[in-house]
Amino acid sequence: MSSFVVALDVGGTSMKGGLVTRSGEVLRTDRRATPRDEGPAAVVGTIRSFIDDLAAAGGGTPAGVGLAVPGLVTADAALYSANIGWRDVPAADFVPLDVPVMLGHDVRTGGLAESVLGAGREVSDFLFLPIGTGIAGAVIVDGEPYGGAAGWGGEIGHIPVFPGGETCACGQIGCLETYASASAVGRRYSARAASPATAEQVAALTVSGDPVAAEVWDDAVEALSLALATYTLLLDPSVIVLGGGLAEAGPLLSDPLADRLRKRLTFRAAPPLRPAALGVNAGMLGAALLGWRAAGVPDAGATWSLDVLKSPRVA
C-alpha cells in the first residue's frame, strides 16, 4: 500500500489539497481557485488536474483519494450543488487515477476531522457549527457525521428563528443564516448604517460601542441561541463546537451566546461551547480520513496528533 493519500477540500471559491500519510504526517499542501463561473465541467476538470499534480508531487500512486465537496453528497457521488452547479457526478469522475475514492459533504467532513482529531475527540456526540458565509452543521452521533435519510441532515442554518423576520435566500422566512452568518452580519450592518462593513469590522465596531453594530451583533447572538436551544433539546449534544469566521470573534460571541443558551434551557444544563481546533484545515484533514477509509484503513486518525498542524507544510 502507498504511504500517502490525496485529500481535497473543495469550496465555492477555492480548494485546498494535501498529501497525508497513514501516520497523519502532512507531506504537502496546496491551493487552487475553484472556477465555478466557468461551469461544473470546468470545476471537475480542475479537481482532476489538482489530484493528478498532488499525486505526482508525492512521487507515486496514492493509496486512495478523499474529497470534501459542497451540496448533496453520498460516498459514491456528488448528487447536487447549487453553489457549483453539478448534478450526479460519480466519485470516479473526479479522479484521474485508478485508486479507491470516497466523497463527503464539506461540513460533515470537517466535523469528522474535529471528531477524530480535534475539539470533539473526547466525546461521541456533538454539533460542529462553522459560521462563515453561510451556516451548516455537522451532526456527530457516536463519533460519525449523521447525514439523515437523504443527506440533508445538519442544515441548521435554515431553522426559522424569527418566523416574522427577513426572507432567506432559500425562500423561507427568518432563517438562522439570514441573521447570524458572517455575510448576514456584514450585510445587515451595511444596510442600516449605509456604510459597507465585513463581519470582522462589525465585531470591532461592537467592541468600540457603535450602537448599530451592537444591535446587529445582538440579533446574531439571539438567533444562534434560539437555534442551538432547539438543537440541544432534540439531540442532547455533549458539546457544541464553534468554527468559521464569525467564531474568530472569540468571547465577544461565545460569552453572550453561552449565557443566553443557559437561560433558555430552563430545566437542564446547557452544553459547553468549545472553539474548533482545526480551523481552515478541518476539511482537508477530514478528506484525508476519507481517503484512508477508501483505501481500507477504517481506523485512520486514531493515533494522529494535532502537532501535524504545526508543520511548515500546513498553511
Protein backbone atom coordinates (compact mmCIF):
# COMPACT_ATOMS: atom_id res chain seq x y z
CA MET A 1 0.00 0.00 0.00
CA SER A 2 1.19 3.51 -0.83
CA SER A 3 2.37 5.67 2.05
CA PHE A 4 0.01 8.60 1.39
CA VAL A 5 -3.46 9.66 0.26
CA VAL A 6 -4.57 12.71 -1.67
CA ALA A 7 -7.05 14.86 0.28
CA LEU A 8 -9.04 17.67 -1.31
CA ASP A 9 -11.45 20.15 0.29
CA VAL A 10 -13.48 21.83 -2.46
CA GLY A 11 -15.09 25.18 -1.70
CA GLY A 12 -17.06 27.63 -3.81
CA THR A 13 -14.11 29.99 -4.29
CA SER A 14 -11.04 27.84 -3.64
CA MET A 15 -9.94 24.31 -2.97
CA LYS A 16 -7.27 23.07 -0.59
CA GLY A 17 -5.38 19.87 -1.22
CA GLY A 18 -2.83 17.83 0.66
CA LEU A 19 -0.84 14.64 0.86
CA VAL A 20 -1.29 12.87 4.20
CA THR A 21 0.44 9.72 5.40
CA ARG A 22 -1.13 6.85 7.31
CA SER A 23 0.50 8.19 10.48
CA GLY A 24 -1.02 11.65 9.95
CA GLU A 25 2.02 13.49 8.63
CA VAL A 26 1.04 16.21 6.16
CA LEU A 27 3.65 15.97 3.42
CA ARG A 28 2.38 18.82 1.29
CA THR A 29 -0.49 21.29 0.96
CA ASP A 30 -1.54 23.49 -1.93
CA ARG A 31 -4.43 25.69 -3.02
CA ARG A 32 -6.21 26.41 -6.29
CA ALA A 33 -9.09 28.60 -7.34
CA THR A 34 -12.46 26.96 -7.95
CA PRO A 35 -13.55 28.08 -11.45
CA ARG A 36 -17.27 27.87 -10.74
CA ASP A 37 -18.02 30.79 -13.08
CA GLU A 38 -16.85 28.55 -15.91
CA GLY A 39 -19.39 25.86 -15.09
CA PRO A 40 -19.39 22.48 -13.32
CA ALA A 41 -17.39 20.69 -16.01
CA ALA A 42 -14.53 23.16 -15.51
CA VAL A 43 -14.63 22.57 -11.74
CA VAL A 44 -14.50 18.79 -12.22
CA GLY A 45 -11.59 19.22 -14.65
CA THR A 46 -9.70 21.41 -12.16
CA ILE A 47 -10.23 18.84 -9.41
CA ARG A 48 -8.89 16.08 -11.66
CA SER A 49 -5.78 18.03 -12.59
CA PHE A 50 -5.19 19.11 -8.97
CA ILE A 51 -5.37 15.49 -7.79
CA ASP A 52 -3.03 14.41 -10.58
CA ASP A 53 -0.50 17.13 -9.71
CA LEU A 54 -0.62 16.33 -5.98
CA ALA A 55 -0.10 12.63 -6.65
CA ALA A 56 2.86 13.42 -8.90
CA ALA A 57 4.35 15.62 -6.17
CA GLY A 58 4.15 12.64 -3.83
CA GLY A 59 6.31 10.62 -6.17
CA GLY A 60 3.92 7.72 -6.62
CA THR A 61 0.35 6.47 -6.77
CA PRO A 62 -1.70 7.33 -3.67
CA ALA A 63 -3.39 4.65 -1.62
CA GLY A 64 -6.68 6.50 -2.06
CA VAL A 65 -8.36 9.85 -2.57
CA GLY A 66 -10.73 11.67 -0.22
CA LEU A 67 -12.86 14.57 -1.41
CA ALA A 68 -14.92 17.00 0.65
CA VAL A 69 -17.45 18.74 -1.61
CA PRO A 70 -20.48 21.01 -1.10
CA GLY A 71 -24.11 20.10 -1.66
CA LEU A 72 -25.97 16.81 -1.54
CA VAL A 73 -23.36 14.03 -1.39
CA THR A 74 -23.04 10.28 -0.91
CA ALA A 75 -19.78 8.38 -0.53
CA ASP A 76 -20.01 7.47 -4.22
CA ALA A 77 -21.41 10.55 -5.96
CA ALA A 78 -21.84 14.31 -5.81
CA LEU A 79 -25.58 14.46 -6.39
CA TYR A 80 -26.23 18.20 -6.46
CA SER A 81 -24.63 21.52 -5.59
CA ALA A 82 -26.39 24.83 -6.16
CA ASN A 83 -23.11 26.59 -5.43
CA ILE A 84 -21.15 24.81 -8.17
CA GLY A 85 -23.93 23.54 -10.42
CA TRP A 86 -23.09 19.89 -10.85
CA ARG A 87 -25.56 17.00 -10.73
CA ASP A 88 -24.98 13.26 -10.31
CA VAL A 89 -21.21 13.22 -10.71
CA PRO A 90 -19.78 9.77 -9.81
CA ALA A 91 -16.82 9.83 -7.45
CA ALA A 92 -14.64 8.18 -10.09
CA ASP A 93 -15.17 11.13 -12.46
CA PHE A 94 -13.22 13.40 -10.10
CA VAL A 95 -10.15 11.17 -10.03
CA PRO A 96 -7.81 10.59 -13.00
CA LEU A 97 -6.14 7.64 -11.24
CA ASP A 98 -7.21 4.04 -10.75
CA VAL A 99 -7.39 4.25 -6.95
CA PRO A 100 -10.22 4.00 -4.41
CA VAL A 101 -12.04 7.25 -3.69
CA MET A 102 -14.58 8.43 -1.13
CA LEU A 103 -16.65 11.62 -1.12
CA GLY A 104 -18.02 13.51 1.85
CA HIS A 105 -20.12 16.61 2.44
CA ASP A 106 -17.79 19.53 3.12
CA VAL A 107 -19.16 20.49 6.55
CA ARG A 108 -19.71 16.90 7.70
CA THR A 109 -16.17 16.03 6.61
CA GLY A 110 -14.86 18.93 8.69
CA GLY A 111 -16.97 17.60 11.56
CA LEU A 112 -15.44 14.16 11.09
CA ALA A 113 -11.97 15.69 11.43
CA GLU A 114 -12.98 17.58 14.58
CA SER A 115 -14.42 14.32 15.94
CA VAL A 116 -11.38 12.16 15.24
CA LEU A 117 -8.63 14.74 15.67
CA GLY A 118 -9.92 17.98 17.13
CA ALA A 119 -12.30 19.60 19.59
CA GLY A 120 -14.69 16.63 19.69
CA ARG A 121 -12.05 13.96 20.13
CA GLU A 122 -13.03 13.14 23.72
CA VAL A 123 -16.80 12.96 23.16
CA SER A 124 -19.03 10.86 20.92
CA ASP A 125 -21.99 13.18 20.29
CA PHE A 126 -21.66 16.86 19.44
CA LEU A 127 -22.55 19.58 16.97
CA PHE A 128 -19.88 21.08 14.75
CA LEU A 129 -21.11 24.54 13.70
CA PRO A 130 -18.89 26.51 11.32
CA ILE A 131 -20.28 30.04 10.96
CA GLY A 132 -18.99 31.52 7.75
CA THR A 133 -20.52 32.89 4.55
CA GLY A 134 -23.38 30.55 5.34
CA ILE A 135 -24.25 28.27 8.25
CA ALA A 136 -24.48 24.49 8.17
CA GLY A 137 -23.85 22.00 10.93
CA ALA A 138 -22.33 18.56 11.22
CA VAL A 139 -24.40 16.35 13.49
CA ILE A 140 -21.92 13.93 15.09
CA VAL A 141 -23.50 10.81 16.56
CA ASP A 142 -21.34 8.02 18.01
CA GLY A 143 -18.29 9.77 16.59
CA GLU A 144 -19.55 9.83 12.99
CA PRO A 145 -21.32 12.52 10.93
CA TYR A 146 -25.04 11.86 10.50
CA GLY A 147 -26.49 12.95 7.18
CA GLY A 148 -30.09 11.85 7.64
CA ALA A 149 -32.31 9.80 5.34
CA ALA A 150 -31.49 11.71 2.15
CA GLY A 151 -28.29 13.57 3.04
CA TRP A 152 -29.83 16.86 4.16
CA GLY A 153 -29.08 16.42 7.86
CA GLY A 154 -27.38 19.33 9.59
CA GLU A 155 -28.98 22.25 7.72
CA ILE A 156 -29.27 24.20 10.96
CA GLY A 157 -28.72 27.46 9.07
CA HIS A 158 -32.26 27.14 7.74
CA ILE A 159 -34.01 26.66 11.06
CA PRO A 160 -36.53 29.56 11.24
CA VAL A 161 -35.60 31.53 14.34
CA PHE A 162 -37.67 34.67 13.66
CA PRO A 163 -40.86 33.46 11.87
CA GLY A 164 -41.93 37.02 11.04
CA GLY A 165 -38.47 38.13 10.02
CA GLU A 166 -36.42 38.62 6.88
CA THR A 167 -36.67 36.42 3.80
CA CYS A 168 -33.80 34.00 3.39
CA ALA A 169 -32.19 33.27 0.02
CA CYS A 170 -33.64 29.76 0.35
CA GLY A 171 -37.18 31.19 0.23
CA GLN A 172 -38.07 30.62 3.88
CA ILE A 173 -38.67 33.38 6.41
CA GLY A 174 -36.41 34.20 9.34
CA CYS A 175 -33.70 31.56 8.91
CA LEU A 176 -30.73 31.50 11.27
CA GLU A 177 -28.35 32.06 8.34
CA THR A 178 -30.16 35.30 7.45
CA TYR A 179 -29.17 36.81 10.82
CA ALA A 180 -26.07 35.06 12.09
CA SER A 181 -23.82 34.11 9.17
CA ALA A 182 -20.75 36.27 8.66
CA SER A 183 -22.15 37.56 5.38
CA ALA A 184 -25.50 38.40 7.03
CA VAL A 185 -23.84 40.32 9.86
CA GLY A 186 -21.92 42.45 7.36
CA ARG A 187 -24.94 42.88 5.08
CA ARG A 188 -27.33 43.86 7.86
CA TYR A 189 -24.92 46.41 9.33
CA SER A 190 -24.20 47.90 5.91
CA ALA A 191 -27.91 48.29 5.18
CA ARG A 192 -28.62 50.06 8.48
CA ALA A 193 -25.50 52.21 8.70
CA ALA A 194 -25.32 52.97 4.96
CA SER A 195 -21.66 52.03 5.18
CA PRO A 196 -20.11 48.78 3.90
CA ALA A 197 -18.56 46.50 6.53
CA THR A 198 -17.45 42.92 7.00
CA ALA A 199 -18.44 40.79 9.96
CA GLU A 200 -14.95 41.27 11.39
CA GLN A 201 -15.41 45.04 11.19
CA VAL A 202 -18.86 44.80 12.77
CA ALA A 203 -17.33 42.88 15.67
CA ALA A 204 -14.71 45.61 16.16
CA LEU A 205 -17.38 48.31 15.96
CA THR A 206 -19.44 46.46 18.55
CA VAL A 207 -16.49 46.49 20.94
CA SER A 208 -15.99 50.23 20.32
CA GLY A 209 -19.60 50.98 21.24
CA ASP A 210 -21.22 51.54 17.83
CA PRO A 211 -24.97 51.16 18.56
CA VAL A 212 -25.90 49.87 15.08
CA ALA A 213 -23.15 47.26 15.17
CA ALA A 214 -24.19 46.24 18.69
CA GLU A 215 -27.79 45.75 17.57
CA VAL A 216 -26.79 43.64 14.57
CA TRP A 217 -24.41 41.57 16.70
CA ASP A 218 -27.10 41.11 19.34
CA ASP A 219 -29.53 39.83 16.68
CA ALA A 220 -26.93 37.28 15.58
CA VAL A 221 -26.37 36.06 19.14
CA GLU A 222 -30.11 35.87 19.77
CA ALA A 223 -30.69 33.89 16.57
CA LEU A 224 -27.89 31.46 17.42
CA SER A 225 -29.20 30.94 20.96
CA LEU A 226 -32.66 30.09 19.65
CA ALA A 227 -31.36 27.59 17.09
CA LEU A 228 -28.91 25.96 19.50
CA ALA A 229 -31.53 25.63 22.22
CA THR A 230 -33.75 23.77 19.75
CA TYR A 231 -30.86 21.55 18.66
CA THR A 232 -29.90 20.81 22.27
CA LEU A 233 -33.42 19.77 23.24
CA LEU A 234 -33.65 17.46 20.23
CA LEU A 235 -30.23 15.79 20.24
CA ASP A 236 -28.60 16.47 23.64
CA PRO A 237 -25.03 17.09 22.42
CA SER A 238 -22.09 16.76 24.81
CA VAL A 239 -20.57 19.95 23.41
CA ILE A 240 -21.14 22.47 20.63
CA VAL A 241 -18.00 23.18 18.60
CA LEU A 242 -17.97 26.64 17.00
CA GLY A 243 -15.86 27.29 13.92
CA GLY A 244 -15.76 29.54 10.88
CA GLY A 245 -15.04 33.22 10.51
CA LEU A 246 -17.61 34.56 12.97
CA ALA A 247 -16.33 32.30 15.74
CA GLU A 248 -12.95 34.01 15.44
CA ALA A 249 -14.55 36.84 17.44
CA GLY A 250 -13.92 34.62 20.46
CA PRO A 251 -15.55 35.69 23.75
CA LEU A 252 -17.44 38.52 22.02
CA LEU A 253 -19.57 35.76 20.51
CA SER A 254 -19.15 32.78 22.81
CA ASP A 255 -19.72 34.52 26.16
CA PRO A 256 -23.14 36.10 25.45
CA LEU A 257 -24.17 33.05 23.43
CA ALA A 258 -23.37 30.69 26.29
CA ASP A 259 -25.25 32.94 28.70
CA ARG A 260 -28.40 33.09 26.57
CA LEU A 261 -28.32 29.39 25.81
CA ARG A 262 -28.08 28.67 29.54
CA LYS A 263 -31.06 30.96 30.28
CA ARG A 264 -33.19 29.42 27.53
CA LEU A 265 -32.66 25.86 28.72
CA THR A 266 -34.51 26.38 31.98
CA PHE A 267 -34.79 22.77 33.14
CA ARG A 268 -31.47 21.32 32.00
CA ALA A 269 -27.81 22.26 31.75
CA ALA A 270 -26.61 23.80 28.52
CA PRO A 271 -23.84 22.01 26.63
CA PRO A 272 -20.50 23.83 26.77
CA LEU A 273 -19.37 25.83 23.75
CA ARG A 274 -15.91 24.97 22.51
CA PRO A 275 -13.80 26.56 19.74
CA ALA A 276 -12.91 24.36 16.77
CA ALA A 277 -9.35 23.04 16.91
CA LEU A 278 -8.53 22.55 13.22
CA GLY A 279 -9.57 25.85 11.65
CA VAL A 280 -9.32 26.02 7.86
CA ASN A 281 -7.57 22.63 7.80
CA ALA A 282 -10.60 20.68 9.04
CA GLY A 283 -11.99 19.90 5.58
CA MET A 284 -8.67 18.78 4.13
CA LEU A 285 -7.82 16.62 7.15
CA GLY A 286 -11.31 15.12 7.09
CA ALA A 287 -10.83 14.34 3.40
CA ALA A 288 -7.57 12.60 4.32
CA LEU A 289 -9.52 10.40 6.74
CA LEU A 290 -11.96 9.58 3.93
CA GLY A 291 -9.06 8.75 1.61
CA TRP A 292 -7.61 6.28 4.09
CA ARG A 293 -11.05 4.78 4.69
CA ALA A 294 -11.41 4.32 0.93
CA ALA A 295 -8.04 2.55 0.98
CA GLY A 296 -9.30 0.10 3.60
CA VAL A 297 -7.94 1.74 6.76
CA PRO A 298 -11.09 2.42 8.82
CA ASP A 299 -9.23 3.46 11.97
CA ALA A 300 -7.11 6.14 10.29
CA GLY A 301 -6.58 9.08 12.58
CA ALA A 302 -6.75 7.13 15.83
CA THR A 303 -3.09 7.84 16.57
CA TRP A 304 -2.70 11.15 14.74
CA SER A 305 -1.50 14.16 16.69
CA LEU A 306 -2.51 17.79 16.32
CA ASP A 307 1.21 18.51 16.18
CA VAL A 308 0.97 17.86 12.44
CA LEU A 309 -0.72 21.26 12.14
CA LYS A 310 2.43 22.93 13.38
CA SER A 311 4.35 21.63 10.37
CA PRO A 312 5.56 24.34 7.96
CA ARG A 313 3.90 22.27 5.22
CA VAL A 314 0.46 23.08 6.65
CA ALA A 315 -0.66 26.56 5.68
